[in-house]
Amino acid sequence: MARPVSTTPTDAERAILEVLWKHKEASVRDVADELSRSKPVAYTTVLTMFKILESKGFVSHRNAGRAFI
């Protein structure tokens, strides 16, 4: 059974939001690199979390070339 959708950010989502608040704007690569300083995290994981945060209305994105910002 799938867990219910949360309307508040999870701990992992909150960590991403803290990086974004610190930098005001950042690419998925920038966030993944910063989070990896304390614990390894995959680029694709951060990209997925960005998409979840966008669906929850916490962030928006734009594409700059191939970068997801």
Protein backbone atom coordinates (compact mmCIF):
# COMPACT_ATOMS: atom_id res chain seq x y z
CA MET A 1 0.00 0.00 0.00
CA ALA A 2 1.35 3.43 -0.94
CA ARG A 3 1.83 5.97 1.78
CA PRO A 4 -0.49 8.99 1.75
CA VAL A 5 0.66 12.16 -0.03
CA SER A 6 2.00 14.75 2.39
CA THR A 7 1.12 18.42 1.87
CA THR A 8 4.03 19.51 4.07
CA PRO A 9 7.68 19.01 3.11
CA THR A 10 9.40 15.84 4.26
CA ASP A 11 12.83 15.99 5.91
CA ALA A 12 14.56 15.35 2.57
CA GLU A 13 12.44 18.00 0.84
CA ARG A 14 13.16 20.43 3.66
CA ALA A 15 16.92 19.93 3.14
CA ILE A 16 16.51 20.86 -0.53
CA LEU A 17 14.40 23.90 0.36
CA GLU A 18 17.07 25.08 2.81
CA VAL A 19 19.68 25.01 0.04
CA LEU A 20 17.32 26.91 -2.26
CA TRP A 21 16.54 29.51 0.43
CA LYS A 22 20.27 29.98 1.00
CA HIS A 23 21.05 30.51 -2.70
CA LYS A 24 17.68 31.97 -3.83
CA GLU A 25 18.04 29.95 -7.06
CA ALA A 26 20.04 26.83 -7.84
CA SER A 27 20.29 24.05 -10.37
CA VAL A 28 19.63 20.43 -9.49
CA ARG A 29 23.39 19.82 -9.83
CA ASP A 30 24.20 22.65 -7.38
CA VAL A 31 21.75 21.30 -4.82
CA ALA A 32 22.96 17.71 -5.25
CA ASP A 33 26.58 18.80 -4.82
CA GLU A 34 25.82 20.78 -1.67
CA LEU A 35 23.76 18.01 -0.11
CA SER A 36 26.48 15.46 -0.98
CA ARG A 37 28.93 17.23 1.31
CA SER A 38 27.25 15.66 4.32
CA LYS A 39 25.80 12.50 2.75
CA PRO A 40 26.02 11.19 -0.84
CA VAL A 41 22.88 11.90 -2.85
CA ALA A 42 22.19 11.11 -6.50
CA TYR A 43 21.38 13.79 -9.06
CA THR A 44 18.28 11.86 -10.15
CA THR A 45 17.03 11.70 -6.57
CA VAL A 46 17.29 15.48 -6.23
CA LEU A 47 15.59 15.95 -9.61
CA THR A 48 12.70 13.74 -8.49
CA MET A 49 12.42 15.68 -5.23
CA PHE A 50 12.37 18.97 -7.19
CA LYS A 51 9.44 17.67 -9.24
CA ILE A 52 7.60 16.61 -6.07
CA LEU A 53 8.23 20.02 -4.48
CA GLU A 54 6.91 21.69 -7.63
CA SER A 55 3.76 19.56 -7.57
CA LYS A 56 3.25 20.60 -3.93
CA GLY A 57 3.62 24.26 -4.93
CA PHE A 58 6.83 24.98 -2.99
CA VAL A 59 9.10 25.70 -5.97
CA SER A 60 8.94 26.43 -9.67
CA HIS A 61 11.52 25.70 -12.33
CA ARG A 62 12.89 26.94 -15.58
CA ASN A 63 15.19 25.28 -18.06
CA ALA A 64 18.50 26.92 -18.93
CA GLY A 65 19.80 24.80 -21.77
CA ARG A 66 19.79 21.31 -20.30
CA ALA A 67 19.90 22.55 -16.70
CA PHE A 68 16.82 22.33 -14.47
CA ILE A 69 16.87 25.53 -12.36
